[in-house]
């Protein structure tokens, strides 16, 4: 079996991943803001030239590259994280947290889409292996519910 080639991340992708790791978990809206912020801030940053690329960058590739959109960026990062570390950026969608002020009957399928509660998406870097580290440092049960754990 041939060894797996792991594509290195661009500097912007590394920054995006580092910020997600520090935050532990981000909602979809916060992750999109982070993506747009890094993409905008570093879109015209040149890496000082070295020994590699025609464009003066040390590696010969665009260090500001973040993918074509957020989903593509997550895919590119996961393509490197999975074979290298058995980690991935995972997304889970949960119903919104309970709000006693808006606790009425549940909307039915006949209600217009605006009356239905939207799921809240959370993104986080997760360990895909069922190893000792995963078992020792996993989030324990929480009385506050899954949103508090996220």
N, C-alpha and C. Protein backbone atom coordinates (compact mmCIF):
# COMPACT_ATOMS: atom_id res chain seq x y z
N UNK A 1 0.83 -1.17 0.00
CA UNK A 1 0.00 0.00 0.00
C UNK A 1 0.88 1.24 0.00
N UNK A 2 0.58 2.17 -0.89
CA UNK A 2 1.38 3.38 -1.02
C UNK A 2 1.11 4.32 0.15
N UNK A 3 2.15 5.01 0.60
CA UNK A 3 1.95 5.96 1.70
C UNK A 3 1.02 7.10 1.27
N UNK A 4 0.24 7.59 2.21
CA UNK A 4 -0.69 8.68 1.95
C UNK A 4 0.06 10.00 1.91
N UNK A 5 -0.19 10.78 0.88
CA UNK A 5 0.41 12.10 0.79
C UNK A 5 -0.51 13.09 1.51
N UNK A 6 0.05 13.81 2.43
CA UNK A 6 -0.72 14.79 3.19
C UNK A 6 -0.38 16.17 2.66
N UNK A 7 -1.39 16.86 2.17
CA UNK A 7 -1.20 18.19 1.62
C UNK A 7 -1.04 19.19 2.76
N UNK A 8 0.04 19.97 2.76
CA UNK A 8 0.19 20.96 3.83
C UNK A 8 -0.87 22.04 3.72
N UNK A 9 -1.26 22.58 4.86
CA UNK A 9 -2.24 23.66 4.89
C UNK A 9 -1.57 24.99 4.58
N UNK A 10 -2.32 25.91 3.98
CA UNK A 10 -1.79 27.26 3.78
C UNK A 10 -1.75 27.96 5.14
N UNK A 11 -1.02 29.06 5.22
CA UNK A 11 -0.94 29.79 6.48
C UNK A 11 -2.32 30.25 6.95
N UNK A 12 -3.17 30.67 6.03
CA UNK A 12 -4.51 31.11 6.40
C UNK A 12 -5.34 29.94 6.93
N UNK A 13 -5.20 28.77 6.32
CA UNK A 13 -5.91 27.60 6.81
C UNK A 13 -5.41 27.20 8.20
N UNK A 14 -4.10 27.31 8.42
CA UNK A 14 -3.55 27.01 9.74
C UNK A 14 -4.10 27.98 10.79
N UNK A 15 -4.17 29.25 10.44
CA UNK A 15 -4.71 30.25 11.37
C UNK A 15 -6.18 29.94 11.68
N UNK A 16 -6.95 29.61 10.66
CA UNK A 16 -8.36 29.26 10.84
C UNK A 16 -8.49 28.07 11.79
N UNK A 17 -7.70 27.02 11.57
CA UNK A 17 -7.73 25.84 12.41
C UNK A 17 -7.30 26.16 13.84
N UNK A 18 -6.26 26.97 14.00
CA UNK A 18 -5.80 27.34 15.34
C UNK A 18 -6.87 28.11 16.11
N UNK A 19 -7.55 29.02 15.42
CA UNK A 19 -8.61 29.80 16.09
C UNK A 19 -9.78 28.90 16.49
N UNK A 20 -10.11 27.91 15.65
CA UNK A 20 -11.18 26.97 15.99
C UNK A 20 -10.76 26.10 17.18
N UNK A 21 -9.52 25.66 17.20
CA UNK A 21 -9.03 24.85 18.32
C UNK A 21 -9.08 25.64 19.63
N UNK A 22 -8.69 26.89 19.59
CA UNK A 22 -8.69 27.72 20.80
C UNK A 22 -10.12 27.94 21.30
N UNK A 23 -11.04 28.13 20.37
CA UNK A 23 -12.43 28.37 20.74
C UNK A 23 -13.13 27.08 21.20
N UNK A 24 -12.58 25.94 20.88
CA UNK A 24 -13.13 24.61 21.15
C UNK A 24 -14.36 24.32 20.28
N UNK A 25 -15.36 25.19 20.32
CA UNK A 25 -16.58 25.00 19.55
C UNK A 25 -17.09 26.36 19.09
N UNK A 26 -17.52 26.43 17.84
CA UNK A 26 -18.11 27.67 17.31
C UNK A 26 -19.44 27.35 16.66
N UNK A 27 -20.38 28.28 16.79
CA UNK A 27 -21.63 28.14 16.06
C UNK A 27 -21.35 28.40 14.59
N UNK A 28 -22.30 28.05 13.76
CA UNK A 28 -22.14 28.23 12.32
C UNK A 28 -21.90 29.70 11.98
N UNK A 29 -22.67 30.59 12.60
CA UNK A 29 -22.50 32.01 12.33
C UNK A 29 -21.13 32.52 12.73
N UNK A 30 -20.64 32.09 13.89
CA UNK A 30 -19.31 32.52 14.35
C UNK A 30 -18.21 31.95 13.45
N UNK A 31 -18.39 30.72 12.99
CA UNK A 31 -17.39 30.12 12.11
C UNK A 31 -17.35 30.84 10.77
N UNK A 32 -18.51 31.21 10.25
CA UNK A 32 -18.56 31.96 8.99
C UNK A 32 -17.90 33.32 9.14
N UNK A 33 -18.12 33.99 10.27
CA UNK A 33 -17.47 35.29 10.53
C UNK A 33 -15.96 35.13 10.57
N UNK A 34 -15.49 34.08 11.26
CA UNK A 34 -14.06 33.82 11.35
C UNK A 34 -13.48 33.57 9.96
N UNK A 35 -14.15 32.76 9.16
CA UNK A 35 -13.69 32.45 7.80
C UNK A 35 -13.58 33.74 6.97
N UNK A 36 -14.64 34.54 6.99
CA UNK A 36 -14.64 35.79 6.20
C UNK A 36 -13.55 36.74 6.69
N UNK A 37 -13.37 36.83 8.00
CA UNK A 37 -12.37 37.73 8.57
C UNK A 37 -10.96 37.35 8.13
N UNK A 38 -10.62 36.08 8.24
CA UNK A 38 -9.28 35.64 7.84
C UNK A 38 -9.11 35.78 6.34
N UNK A 39 -10.12 35.42 5.59
CA UNK A 39 -10.02 35.51 4.12
C UNK A 39 -9.81 36.96 3.69
N UNK A 40 -10.54 37.89 4.31
CA UNK A 40 -10.42 39.31 3.95
C UNK A 40 -9.09 39.89 4.42
N UNK A 41 -8.73 39.62 5.66
CA UNK A 41 -7.52 40.20 6.25
C UNK A 41 -6.25 39.75 5.55
N UNK A 42 -6.20 38.50 5.14
CA UNK A 42 -4.96 37.96 4.60
C UNK A 42 -5.01 37.72 3.10
N UNK A 43 -5.99 38.31 2.42
CA UNK A 43 -6.12 38.06 0.98
C UNK A 43 -4.97 38.62 0.17
N UNK A 44 -4.34 39.69 0.64
CA UNK A 44 -3.27 40.30 -0.14
C UNK A 44 -1.92 40.26 0.56
N UNK A 45 -1.76 39.34 1.49
CA UNK A 45 -0.50 39.23 2.23
C UNK A 45 0.47 38.37 1.43
N UNK A 46 1.66 38.90 1.21
CA UNK A 46 2.70 38.14 0.53
C UNK A 46 3.66 37.56 1.56
N UNK A 47 3.97 36.30 1.40
CA UNK A 47 4.96 35.67 2.26
C UNK A 47 6.33 36.00 1.68
N UNK A 48 7.26 36.49 2.50
CA UNK A 48 8.58 36.85 1.96
C UNK A 48 9.21 35.68 1.21
N UNK A 49 9.79 36.01 0.07
CA UNK A 49 10.37 35.00 -0.81
C UNK A 49 11.52 34.26 -0.18
N UNK A 50 11.69 33.09 -0.68
CA UNK A 50 12.78 32.27 -0.20
C UNK A 50 13.38 31.52 -1.34
N UNK A 51 13.30 30.25 -1.26
CA UNK A 51 13.98 29.41 -2.23
C UNK A 51 13.03 28.66 -3.15
N UNK A 52 11.74 28.90 -3.07
CA UNK A 52 10.85 27.98 -3.77
C UNK A 52 10.12 28.51 -4.96
N UNK A 53 9.17 29.35 -4.77
CA UNK A 53 8.19 29.58 -5.81
C UNK A 53 8.53 30.68 -6.78
N UNK A 54 7.85 30.61 -7.91
CA UNK A 54 8.01 31.62 -8.93
C UNK A 54 7.46 32.96 -8.47
N UNK A 55 6.43 32.93 -7.62
CA UNK A 55 5.80 34.17 -7.19
C UNK A 55 6.48 34.81 -5.99
N UNK A 56 7.62 34.28 -5.59
CA UNK A 56 8.37 34.86 -4.48
C UNK A 56 8.04 34.27 -3.13
N UNK A 57 7.06 33.39 -3.05
CA UNK A 57 6.77 32.76 -1.78
C UNK A 57 7.71 31.59 -1.57
N UNK A 58 7.94 31.28 -0.33
CA UNK A 58 8.88 30.22 -0.01
C UNK A 58 8.41 28.87 -0.54
N UNK A 59 7.10 28.65 -0.58
CA UNK A 59 6.60 27.34 -0.98
C UNK A 59 6.12 27.30 -2.41
N UNK A 60 5.95 28.45 -3.05
CA UNK A 60 5.43 28.47 -4.40
C UNK A 60 3.93 28.31 -4.45
N UNK A 61 3.24 28.44 -3.33
CA UNK A 61 1.79 28.35 -3.32
C UNK A 61 1.20 29.53 -2.58
N UNK A 62 -0.07 29.74 -2.76
CA UNK A 62 -0.77 30.87 -2.18
C UNK A 62 -1.04 30.60 -0.70
N UNK A 63 -0.30 31.26 0.18
CA UNK A 63 -0.43 31.04 1.62
C UNK A 63 -1.69 31.69 2.19
N UNK A 64 -2.39 32.48 1.40
CA UNK A 64 -3.65 33.08 1.84
C UNK A 64 -4.84 32.24 1.40
N UNK A 65 -4.62 31.15 0.67
CA UNK A 65 -5.72 30.36 0.10
C UNK A 65 -6.57 29.73 1.20
N UNK A 66 -7.88 29.97 1.12
CA UNK A 66 -8.82 29.45 2.11
C UNK A 66 -9.86 28.54 1.48
N UNK A 67 -9.74 28.22 0.21
CA UNK A 67 -10.76 27.44 -0.47
C UNK A 67 -11.76 28.37 -1.13
N UNK A 68 -12.68 27.79 -1.88
CA UNK A 68 -13.66 28.61 -2.60
C UNK A 68 -14.78 29.10 -1.71
N UNK A 69 -15.07 28.38 -0.64
CA UNK A 69 -16.07 28.80 0.34
C UNK A 69 -15.78 28.06 1.65
N UNK A 70 -16.61 28.29 2.66
CA UNK A 70 -16.35 27.69 3.97
C UNK A 70 -16.36 26.16 3.90
N UNK A 71 -17.32 25.58 3.21
CA UNK A 71 -17.39 24.13 3.11
C UNK A 71 -16.15 23.54 2.45
N UNK A 72 -15.66 24.21 1.41
CA UNK A 72 -14.45 23.76 0.72
C UNK A 72 -13.24 23.87 1.66
N UNK A 73 -13.18 24.97 2.40
CA UNK A 73 -12.09 25.17 3.36
C UNK A 73 -12.07 24.05 4.41
N UNK A 74 -13.24 23.73 4.96
CA UNK A 74 -13.32 22.65 5.95
C UNK A 74 -12.88 21.32 5.34
N UNK A 75 -13.27 21.08 4.10
CA UNK A 75 -12.86 19.85 3.41
C UNK A 75 -11.36 19.77 3.21
N UNK A 76 -10.75 20.89 2.81
CA UNK A 76 -9.30 20.91 2.61
C UNK A 76 -8.56 20.64 3.92
N UNK A 77 -9.03 21.27 5.00
CA UNK A 77 -8.39 21.07 6.30
C UNK A 77 -8.58 19.62 6.75
N UNK A 78 -9.79 19.09 6.60
CA UNK A 78 -10.05 17.70 7.00
C UNK A 78 -9.21 16.72 6.18
N UNK A 79 -8.96 17.02 4.91
CA UNK A 79 -8.13 16.14 4.08
C UNK A 79 -6.71 16.00 4.64
N UNK A 80 -6.25 17.01 5.36
CA UNK A 80 -4.92 16.93 5.98
C UNK A 80 -4.98 16.41 7.41
N UNK A 81 -6.02 16.79 8.15
CA UNK A 81 -6.12 16.38 9.55
C UNK A 81 -6.36 14.88 9.72
N UNK A 82 -7.22 14.33 8.88
CA UNK A 82 -7.61 12.92 9.07
C UNK A 82 -6.45 11.95 8.92
N UNK A 83 -5.71 11.98 7.80
CA UNK A 83 -4.63 11.00 7.70
C UNK A 83 -3.45 11.30 8.64
N UNK A 84 -3.24 12.57 8.96
CA UNK A 84 -2.08 12.92 9.78
C UNK A 84 -2.32 12.66 11.27
N UNK A 85 -3.50 13.03 11.77
CA UNK A 85 -3.72 13.00 13.22
C UNK A 85 -4.99 12.26 13.64
N UNK A 86 -5.75 11.75 12.68
CA UNK A 86 -7.04 11.12 12.96
C UNK A 86 -7.98 12.09 13.68
N UNK A 87 -7.91 13.35 13.28
CA UNK A 87 -8.80 14.40 13.77
C UNK A 87 -9.62 14.91 12.60
N UNK A 88 -10.76 15.53 12.90
CA UNK A 88 -11.54 16.18 11.85
C UNK A 88 -12.36 17.31 12.44
N UNK A 89 -12.70 18.26 11.58
CA UNK A 89 -13.64 19.30 11.97
C UNK A 89 -15.02 18.71 11.72
N UNK A 90 -15.77 18.51 12.80
CA UNK A 90 -17.09 17.90 12.71
C UNK A 90 -18.16 18.95 12.99
N UNK A 91 -19.33 18.71 12.44
CA UNK A 91 -20.46 19.60 12.63
C UNK A 91 -21.63 18.81 13.18
N UNK A 92 -22.28 19.37 14.17
CA UNK A 92 -23.49 18.75 14.72
C UNK A 92 -24.57 19.82 14.74
N UNK A 93 -25.79 19.42 14.44
CA UNK A 93 -26.92 20.34 14.45
C UNK A 93 -27.89 19.91 15.55
N UNK A 94 -28.21 20.84 16.44
CA UNK A 94 -29.11 20.57 17.57
C UNK A 94 -30.27 21.55 17.54
N UNK A 95 -31.42 21.14 18.08
CA UNK A 95 -32.50 22.12 18.21
C UNK A 95 -32.02 23.24 19.14
N UNK A 96 -32.59 24.43 19.00
CA UNK A 96 -32.15 25.53 19.85
C UNK A 96 -32.38 25.22 21.33
N UNK A 97 -31.60 25.83 22.21
CA UNK A 97 -31.78 25.60 23.64
C UNK A 97 -33.20 25.99 24.07
N UNK A 98 -33.66 25.37 25.13
CA UNK A 98 -34.99 25.66 25.65
C UNK A 98 -35.05 27.10 26.13
N UNK A 99 -36.09 27.81 25.71
CA UNK A 99 -36.30 29.19 26.12
C UNK A 99 -37.69 29.29 26.73
N UNK A 100 -37.79 29.45 28.07
CA UNK A 100 -39.10 29.46 28.71
C UNK A 100 -40.01 30.58 28.21
N UNK A 101 -39.44 31.67 27.72
CA UNK A 101 -40.27 32.77 27.23
C UNK A 101 -41.01 32.39 25.95
N UNK A 102 -40.43 31.50 25.19
CA UNK A 102 -41.05 31.10 23.93
C UNK A 102 -41.53 29.66 23.98
N UNK A 103 -41.80 29.18 25.18
CA UNK A 103 -42.23 27.80 25.33
C UNK A 103 -43.73 27.71 25.11
N UNK A 104 -44.09 27.40 23.93
CA UNK A 104 -45.49 27.18 23.61
C UNK A 104 -45.59 25.81 23.00
N UNK A 105 -46.56 25.62 22.19
CA UNK A 105 -46.66 24.36 21.48
C UNK A 105 -45.59 24.27 20.42
N UNK A 106 -45.23 23.07 20.09
CA UNK A 106 -44.26 22.85 19.03
C UNK A 106 -44.89 23.18 17.68
N UNK A 107 -44.16 23.85 16.80
CA UNK A 107 -44.71 24.10 15.47
C UNK A 107 -44.92 22.79 14.71
N UNK A 108 -45.93 22.74 13.92
CA UNK A 108 -46.20 21.53 13.15
C UNK A 108 -45.61 21.67 11.75
N UNK A 109 -45.66 20.59 11.01
CA UNK A 109 -45.14 20.62 9.64
C UNK A 109 -45.97 21.52 8.74
N UNK A 110 -47.21 21.81 9.17
CA UNK A 110 -48.09 22.68 8.38
C UNK A 110 -47.78 24.15 8.56
N UNK A 111 -47.01 24.49 9.61
CA UNK A 111 -46.66 25.89 9.85
C UNK A 111 -45.69 26.38 8.79
N UNK A 112 -45.70 27.68 8.51
CA UNK A 112 -44.73 28.20 7.55
C UNK A 112 -43.31 28.04 8.09
N UNK A 113 -42.32 27.98 7.19
CA UNK A 113 -40.93 27.78 7.64
C UNK A 113 -40.47 28.81 8.67
N UNK A 114 -40.97 30.03 8.61
CA UNK A 114 -40.54 31.05 9.56
C UNK A 114 -40.98 30.73 10.99
N UNK A 115 -42.04 29.91 11.15
CA UNK A 115 -42.53 29.56 12.48
C UNK A 115 -41.79 28.37 13.06
N UNK A 116 -41.10 27.62 12.25
CA UNK A 116 -40.35 26.46 12.73
C UNK A 116 -39.03 26.91 13.33
N UNK A 117 -38.59 26.19 14.34
CA UNK A 117 -37.31 26.51 14.96
C UNK A 117 -36.19 25.91 14.11
N UNK A 118 -35.19 26.72 13.85
CA UNK A 118 -34.05 26.25 13.07
C UNK A 118 -33.06 25.54 13.99
N UNK A 119 -32.39 24.55 13.42
CA UNK A 119 -31.35 23.85 14.18
C UNK A 119 -30.14 24.76 14.33
N UNK A 120 -29.43 24.61 15.44
CA UNK A 120 -28.20 25.37 15.69
C UNK A 120 -27.04 24.45 15.34
N UNK A 121 -26.17 24.90 14.41
CA UNK A 121 -25.00 24.11 14.02
C UNK A 121 -23.81 24.52 14.88
N UNK A 122 -23.09 23.51 15.36
CA UNK A 122 -21.85 23.71 16.10
C UNK A 122 -20.73 23.00 15.35
N UNK A 123 -19.55 23.62 15.31
CA UNK A 123 -18.37 23.06 14.65
C UNK A 123 -17.26 22.93 15.68
N UNK A 124 -16.53 21.83 15.62
CA UNK A 124 -15.43 21.61 16.55
C UNK A 124 -14.46 20.60 15.94
N UNK A 125 -13.22 20.63 16.41
CA UNK A 125 -12.24 19.63 16.01
C UNK A 125 -12.40 18.45 16.97
N UNK A 126 -12.59 17.26 16.40
CA UNK A 126 -12.83 16.08 17.22
C UNK A 126 -11.82 14.99 16.90
N UNK A 127 -11.57 14.16 17.90
CA UNK A 127 -10.69 13.00 17.77
C UNK A 127 -11.54 11.84 17.24
N UNK A 128 -11.14 11.27 16.13
CA UNK A 128 -11.91 10.18 15.53
C UNK A 128 -11.56 8.82 16.12
N UNK A 129 -10.48 8.75 16.88
CA UNK A 129 -10.04 7.47 17.42
C UNK A 129 -10.67 7.22 18.79
N UNK A 130 -10.99 5.98 19.04
CA UNK A 130 -11.52 5.58 20.34
C UNK A 130 -10.34 5.09 21.19
N UNK A 131 -9.43 6.03 21.49
CA UNK A 131 -8.21 5.66 22.21
C UNK A 131 -8.26 6.20 23.64
N UNK A 132 -7.21 5.95 24.38
CA UNK A 132 -7.14 6.38 25.78
C UNK A 132 -7.26 7.88 25.95
N UNK A 133 -6.64 8.64 25.06
CA UNK A 133 -6.72 10.10 25.16
C UNK A 133 -8.16 10.56 24.97
N UNK A 134 -8.84 10.00 23.99
CA UNK A 134 -10.23 10.38 23.74
C UNK A 134 -11.10 10.03 24.94
N UNK A 135 -10.88 8.88 25.53
CA UNK A 135 -11.70 8.46 26.67
C UNK A 135 -11.40 9.29 27.91
N UNK A 136 -10.14 9.67 28.12
CA UNK A 136 -9.76 10.41 29.32
C UNK A 136 -10.18 11.86 29.29
N UNK A 137 -10.19 12.46 28.11
CA UNK A 137 -10.42 13.90 28.04
C UNK A 137 -11.74 14.28 27.37
N UNK A 138 -12.60 13.32 27.14
CA UNK A 138 -13.90 13.63 26.54
C UNK A 138 -14.76 14.41 27.52
N UNK A 139 -15.63 15.24 26.98
CA UNK A 139 -16.54 15.99 27.83
C UNK A 139 -17.49 15.02 28.50
N UNK A 140 -17.60 15.14 29.81
CA UNK A 140 -18.48 14.27 30.57
C UNK A 140 -19.93 14.70 30.45
N UNK A 141 -20.82 13.92 31.00
CA UNK A 141 -22.22 14.30 30.95
C UNK A 141 -22.45 15.65 31.63
N UNK A 142 -23.38 16.39 31.10
CA UNK A 142 -23.65 17.72 31.63
C UNK A 142 -25.12 17.84 31.97
N UNK A 143 -25.40 18.41 33.14
CA UNK A 143 -26.79 18.62 33.51
C UNK A 143 -27.40 19.77 32.72
N UNK A 144 -26.54 20.61 32.16
CA UNK A 144 -27.04 21.76 31.43
C UNK A 144 -27.49 21.39 30.01
N UNK A 145 -27.15 20.20 29.55
CA UNK A 145 -27.59 19.76 28.24
C UNK A 145 -26.51 19.85 27.18
N UNK A 146 -26.85 19.44 25.97
CA UNK A 146 -25.85 19.37 24.90
C UNK A 146 -25.34 20.74 24.46
N UNK A 147 -26.13 21.79 24.57
CA UNK A 147 -25.66 23.12 24.18
C UNK A 147 -24.56 23.61 25.11
N UNK A 148 -24.66 23.29 26.38
CA UNK A 148 -23.61 23.68 27.33
C UNK A 148 -22.34 22.90 27.05
N UNK A 149 -22.48 21.63 26.65
CA UNK A 149 -21.30 20.84 26.31
C UNK A 149 -20.65 21.38 25.06
N UNK A 150 -21.46 21.81 24.10
CA UNK A 150 -20.92 22.35 22.85
C UNK A 150 -20.30 23.68 23.15
